[in-house]
């Protein structure tokens, strides 16, 4: 689906010189601009000087470009935020032992050296390579598990074939279901990212516990787990910083109570003391 863009242009496709569409003005600034233009065009009287403050075609074009850039920036920030939560969720998990790191994936695009896979369980999209850095290709075993062996790849518009020197070939088509293993890949030069590796050419067999939960529940659980871990870490950090302050407060404070009421009671007792008698003693 093409991304919607804002632009200042006459609708020649409809055979009309003047044409516009808009939704609720509380959703997008572009709709507010359209409302202002319509208000100026339909109003008979211009008491507030609306028409004098209207933007020209050049200013509207610059405004549309700015709106498009901000929209793309917001989408990019949302994508990076989602990827950050996904990396934090899988960061401390062992892909070889933790069952949560294995899930079903759907192939939605074919690439030169692999495929693009969507993992509905976690909402992850990423590349799964059929050829690694050592030049080995993915080979399918008799039990449908995968391993790396010498060989070559053949790519077609709707499928990709991995042909190892020994063993069965692997043919992956669009919308095929495969089993992927999810891990976190860190780098000194780039931000941490999730890494997908095909472990079986067969769909992942979902357990009964996983069937009882929808993908939306898994996504919410991952967000809650990451948020809880971050809150606990922040709380521990705050306690560490507050400990020296509390010790200093206990040493130099002049009140014994822990509330404002206790402090007022102590002040009342001090006010009732006989200063002369106390001084003489």
Protein backbone atom coordinates (compact mmCIF):
# COMPACT_ATOMS: atom_id res chain seq x y z
CA UNK A 1 0.00 0.00 0.00
CA UNK A 2 1.34 3.42 -0.97
CA UNK A 3 1.90 5.95 1.78
CA UNK A 4 -0.43 8.95 1.70
CA UNK A 5 1.27 12.24 0.87
CA UNK A 6 0.07 15.82 1.09
CA UNK A 7 0.51 18.07 -1.96
CA UNK A 8 -0.89 21.24 -3.50
CA UNK A 9 -2.26 20.38 -6.97
CA UNK A 10 -5.47 20.57 -8.96
CA UNK A 11 -7.38 17.30 -9.42
CA UNK A 12 -6.99 16.82 -13.17
CA UNK A 13 -7.92 13.15 -12.85
CA UNK A 14 -11.47 14.12 -11.88
CA UNK A 15 -11.71 16.89 -14.44
CA UNK A 16 -12.07 19.49 -11.70
CA UNK A 17 -9.98 22.58 -11.07
CA UNK A 18 -10.88 22.73 -7.39
CA UNK A 19 -11.06 19.59 -5.30
CA UNK A 20 -10.19 18.56 -1.75
CA UNK A 21 -10.93 15.96 0.89
CA UNK A 22 -10.39 15.96 4.65
CA UNK A 23 -11.22 14.02 7.79
CA UNK A 24 -11.55 15.16 11.39
CA UNK A 25 -9.49 18.32 12.05
CA UNK A 26 -8.31 16.95 15.40
CA UNK A 27 -6.34 14.21 13.67
CA UNK A 28 -3.99 15.98 11.27
CA UNK A 29 -2.74 19.52 10.79
CA UNK A 30 -3.29 19.15 7.05
CA UNK A 31 -7.03 18.89 7.69
CA UNK A 32 -6.97 22.11 9.70
CA UNK A 33 -5.32 23.89 6.76
CA UNK A 34 -8.05 22.58 4.45
CA UNK A 35 -10.74 23.77 6.86
CA UNK A 36 -9.23 27.26 6.88
CA UNK A 37 -9.14 27.36 3.08
CA UNK A 38 -12.76 26.20 2.85
CA UNK A 39 -13.85 28.71 5.47
CA UNK A 40 -12.19 31.55 3.56
CA UNK A 41 -13.66 30.37 0.25
CA UNK A 42 -17.24 29.98 1.47
CA UNK A 43 -17.56 32.94 3.84
CA UNK A 44 -19.19 36.03 2.35
CA UNK A 45 -17.77 38.43 4.90
CA UNK A 46 -14.17 38.54 5.99
CA UNK A 47 -14.42 40.28 9.35
CA UNK A 48 -11.42 38.53 10.90
CA UNK A 49 -9.18 39.07 7.89
CA UNK A 50 -8.94 35.36 7.14
CA UNK A 51 -8.47 35.76 3.40
CA UNK A 52 -5.57 38.17 3.82
CA UNK A 53 -3.65 35.59 5.86
CA UNK A 54 -4.14 32.71 3.42
CA UNK A 55 -1.04 30.93 2.13
CA UNK A 56 -0.14 30.96 -1.54
CA UNK A 57 0.62 27.92 -3.66
CA UNK A 58 4.34 28.11 -2.94
CA UNK A 59 3.80 28.39 0.83
CA UNK A 60 1.25 25.56 0.73
CA UNK A 61 3.69 23.35 -1.17
CA UNK A 62 6.40 24.01 1.43
CA UNK A 63 3.91 23.30 4.22
CA UNK A 64 2.90 19.99 2.57
CA UNK A 65 6.54 18.95 2.32
CA UNK A 66 7.05 19.79 5.99
CA UNK A 67 3.97 17.77 7.00
CA UNK A 68 5.15 14.78 4.96
CA UNK A 69 8.61 14.94 6.53
CA UNK A 70 7.18 15.11 10.05
CA UNK A 71 4.86 12.20 9.29
CA UNK A 72 7.76 10.04 8.10
CA UNK A 73 9.80 11.05 11.16
CA UNK A 74 6.95 10.04 13.49
CA UNK A 75 6.60 6.67 11.77
CA UNK A 76 10.36 6.12 11.98
CA UNK A 77 10.34 6.95 15.70
CA UNK A 78 7.46 4.54 16.27
CA UNK A 79 9.30 1.78 14.40
CA UNK A 80 12.51 2.35 16.37
CA UNK A 81 10.58 2.32 19.65
CA UNK A 82 8.97 -1.01 18.76
CA UNK A 83 12.32 -2.51 17.76
CA UNK A 84 13.88 -1.29 21.02
CA UNK A 85 11.21 -3.03 23.12
CA UNK A 86 11.63 -6.22 21.07
CA UNK A 87 15.41 -6.20 21.62
CA UNK A 88 15.01 -5.57 25.35
CA UNK A 89 12.56 -8.48 25.58
CA UNK A 90 14.91 -11.00 23.91
CA UNK A 91 18.20 -9.57 25.22
CA UNK A 92 18.54 -11.82 28.29
CA UNK A 93 16.96 -14.94 26.77
CA UNK A 94 18.90 -17.96 25.49
CA UNK A 95 17.68 -18.76 21.96
CA UNK A 96 18.76 -22.39 22.27
CA UNK A 97 16.85 -23.10 25.49
CA UNK A 98 14.04 -20.57 25.82
CA UNK A 99 10.92 -21.63 23.93
CA UNK A 100 9.81 -18.00 23.65
CA UNK A 101 12.68 -17.42 21.21
CA UNK A 102 11.20 -19.88 18.69
CA UNK A 103 8.10 -18.94 16.72
CA UNK A 104 6.27 -19.33 13.45
CA UNK A 105 7.21 -17.01 10.59
CA UNK A 106 5.56 -16.10 7.29
CA UNK A 107 7.66 -15.28 4.21
CA UNK A 108 6.43 -12.08 2.58
CA UNK A 109 9.31 -11.15 0.26
CA UNK A 110 12.12 -12.84 -1.66
CA UNK A 111 15.63 -11.38 -1.62
CA UNK A 112 18.92 -12.23 -3.37
CA UNK A 113 20.43 -14.14 -0.44
CA UNK A 114 17.40 -14.84 1.71
CA UNK A 115 13.81 -13.95 2.53
CA UNK A 116 11.92 -11.40 4.59
CA UNK A 117 9.89 -12.98 7.38
CA UNK A 118 7.03 -11.71 9.50
CA UNK A 119 6.58 -13.21 12.98
CA UNK A 120 2.90 -12.66 13.95
CA UNK A 121 3.47 -13.74 17.55
CA UNK A 122 5.69 -10.72 18.30
CA UNK A 123 5.03 -8.46 15.31
CA UNK A 124 8.66 -8.75 14.18
CA UNK A 125 9.72 -8.21 10.57
CA UNK A 126 13.23 -9.04 9.46
CA UNK A 127 15.55 -10.82 7.07
CA UNK A 128 16.32 -14.53 7.34
CA UNK A 129 19.40 -15.37 5.29
CA UNK A 130 19.84 -18.58 3.31
CA UNK A 131 23.54 -17.87 2.76
CA UNK A 132 25.86 -16.87 5.58
CA UNK A 133 29.09 -14.86 5.60
CA UNK A 134 31.20 -18.01 5.12
CA UNK A 135 29.39 -18.77 1.85
CA UNK A 136 27.46 -21.75 3.23
CA UNK A 137 23.81 -22.23 2.27
CA UNK A 138 20.88 -23.57 4.22
CA UNK A 139 20.31 -27.31 3.86
CA UNK A 140 17.28 -29.30 4.94
CA UNK A 141 17.74 -32.56 6.87
CA UNK A 142 15.47 -35.61 6.84
CA UNK A 143 13.74 -34.41 10.01
CA UNK A 144 13.05 -31.00 8.34
CA UNK A 145 15.67 -29.27 10.51
CA UNK A 146 18.19 -26.96 8.85
CA UNK A 147 21.98 -26.75 8.82
CA UNK A 148 24.70 -24.89 6.89
CA UNK A 149 26.53 -26.61 4.02
CA UNK A 150 28.47 -25.59 0.89
CA UNK A 151 26.26 -24.88 -2.10
CA UNK A 152 24.54 -22.15 -4.13
CA UNK A 153 21.26 -20.22 -4.35
CA UNK A 154 18.81 -19.77 -7.20
CA UNK A 155 16.39 -16.87 -6.97
CA UNK A 156 13.07 -16.50 -8.82
CA UNK A 157 10.36 -13.83 -8.52
CA UNK A 158 8.14 -15.97 -6.28
CA UNK A 159 10.62 -18.39 -4.68
CA UNK A 160 14.24 -19.03 -3.77
CA UNK A 161 16.05 -22.39 -3.88
CA UNK A 162 19.02 -23.37 -1.75
CA UNK A 163 21.04 -26.15 -3.41
CA UNK A 164 23.70 -27.66 -1.11
CA UNK A 165 26.52 -29.83 -2.38
CA UNK A 166 25.24 -32.67 -0.19
CA UNK A 167 21.76 -33.04 1.23
CA UNK A 168 18.27 -32.00 0.22
CA UNK A 169 17.62 -28.64 -1.40
CA UNK A 170 15.42 -26.04 0.24
CA UNK A 171 12.67 -24.25 -1.70
CA UNK A 172 10.94 -21.34 -0.01
CA UNK A 173 8.00 -19.56 -1.63
CA UNK A 174 6.01 -16.48 -0.81
CA UNK A 175 3.64 -16.95 2.15
CA UNK A 176 5.32 -20.19 3.23
CA UNK A 177 5.37 -20.85 6.97
CA UNK A 178 8.74 -21.64 8.56
CA UNK A 179 10.12 -21.98 12.07
CA UNK A 180 12.45 -19.16 13.06
CA UNK A 181 14.72 -18.59 16.02
CA UNK A 182 14.87 -15.05 17.41
CA UNK A 183 18.01 -13.62 18.96
CA UNK A 184 19.55 -10.19 19.60
CA UNK A 185 22.52 -9.10 17.52
CA UNK A 186 24.75 -6.42 19.02
CA UNK A 187 27.41 -4.37 17.29
CA UNK A 188 29.94 -1.71 18.28
CA UNK A 189 29.03 0.40 15.25
CA UNK A 190 25.24 -0.08 15.07
CA UNK A 191 22.28 -0.30 17.40
CA UNK A 192 21.19 -3.71 18.66
CA UNK A 193 18.71 -5.49 16.39
CA UNK A 194 16.69 -8.70 16.39
CA UNK A 195 18.07 -11.50 14.25
CA UNK A 196 15.96 -14.20 12.59
CA UNK A 197 17.31 -17.62 11.66
CA UNK A 198 15.34 -20.38 9.95
CA UNK A 199 15.63 -23.58 11.98
CA UNK A 200 13.02 -25.65 10.15
CA UNK A 201 11.27 -25.50 6.80
CA UNK A 202 8.06 -26.64 8.48
CA UNK A 203 5.62 -24.39 10.38
CA UNK A 204 6.25 -24.05 14.09
CA UNK A 205 4.15 -26.41 16.17
CA UNK A 206 2.37 -24.23 18.67
CA UNK A 207 1.87 -25.63 22.16
CA UNK A 208 -1.51 -25.69 23.90
CA UNK A 209 -0.47 -22.84 26.18
CA UNK A 210 0.42 -20.66 23.21
CA UNK A 211 -2.85 -21.53 21.46
CA UNK A 212 -4.74 -20.18 24.47
CA UNK A 213 -3.15 -16.77 23.91
CA UNK A 214 -3.55 -14.51 20.94
CA UNK A 215 -0.56 -12.71 19.31
CA UNK A 216 -1.84 -9.47 20.81
CA UNK A 217 -1.53 -10.95 24.31
CA UNK A 218 2.07 -12.00 23.64
CA UNK A 219 2.93 -8.49 22.45
CA UNK A 220 1.35 -6.97 25.55
CA UNK A 221 3.19 -9.44 27.79
CA UNK A 222 6.51 -8.52 26.19
CA UNK A 223 5.82 -4.81 26.69
CA UNK A 224 4.76 -5.38 30.32
CA UNK A 225 7.85 -7.48 31.03
CA UNK A 226 10.22 -4.90 29.58
CA UNK A 227 8.42 -2.05 31.36
CA UNK A 228 8.48 -3.91 34.69
CA UNK A 229 12.21 -4.63 34.34
CA UNK A 230 12.92 -0.98 33.53
CA UNK A 231 10.84 0.22 36.50
CA UNK A 232 12.63 -2.17 38.88
CA UNK A 233 16.02 -1.02 37.61
CA UNK A 234 15.02 2.63 38.01
CA UNK A 235 13.67 1.98 41.52
CA UNK A 236 16.91 0.26 42.55
CA UNK A 237 18.91 3.16 41.17
CA UNK A 238 16.76 5.70 43.01
CA UNK A 239 17.18 3.79 46.26
CA UNK A 240 20.95 3.74 45.84
CA UNK A 241 21.01 7.49 45.33
CA UNK A 242 18.60 8.18 48.17
CA UNK A 243 20.47 6.10 50.78
CA UNK A 244 23.27 8.64 51.47
CA UNK A 245 20.68 11.41 51.63
CA UNK A 246 18.63 9.47 54.17
CA UNK A 247 21.69 8.79 56.33
CA UNK A 248 22.62 12.47 56.33
CA UNK A 249 19.03 13.38 57.12
CA UNK A 250 18.92 10.99 60.09
CA UNK A 251 22.14 12.50 61.40
CA UNK A 252 21.25 16.18 61.26
CA UNK A 253 17.48 16.30 61.52
CA UNK A 254 16.00 18.06 64.57
CA UNK A 255 12.69 16.26 64.73
CA UNK A 256 12.06 12.71 65.87
CA UNK A 257 8.79 12.20 64.07
CA UNK A 258 8.22 11.14 60.52
CA UNK A 259 5.27 13.37 59.70
CA UNK A 260 4.20 17.00 59.80
CA UNK A 261 1.82 16.27 62.69
CA UNK A 262 4.70 14.96 64.86
CA UNK A 263 6.74 18.05 64.05
CA UNK A 264 3.87 20.35 65.11
CA UNK A 265 3.46 18.39 68.34
CA UNK A 266 7.16 18.83 69.11
CA UNK A 267 6.93 22.57 68.41
CA UNK A 268 3.95 22.79 70.79
CA UNK A 269 5.91 21.00 73.51
CA UNK A 270 8.83 23.37 73.00
CA UNK A 271 6.49 26.37 73.30
CA UNK A 272 5.13 25.10 76.63
CA UNK A 273 8.60 24.63 78.17
CA UNK A 274 9.65 26.92 80.99
CA UNK A 275 12.73 28.40 79.42
CA UNK A 276 13.92 30.10 82.67
CA UNK A 277 13.54 26.97 84.76
CA UNK A 278 15.12 24.80 82.10
CA UNK A 279 18.05 27.24 81.80
CA UNK A 280 18.55 27.37 85.57
CA UNK A 281 18.64 23.60 85.84
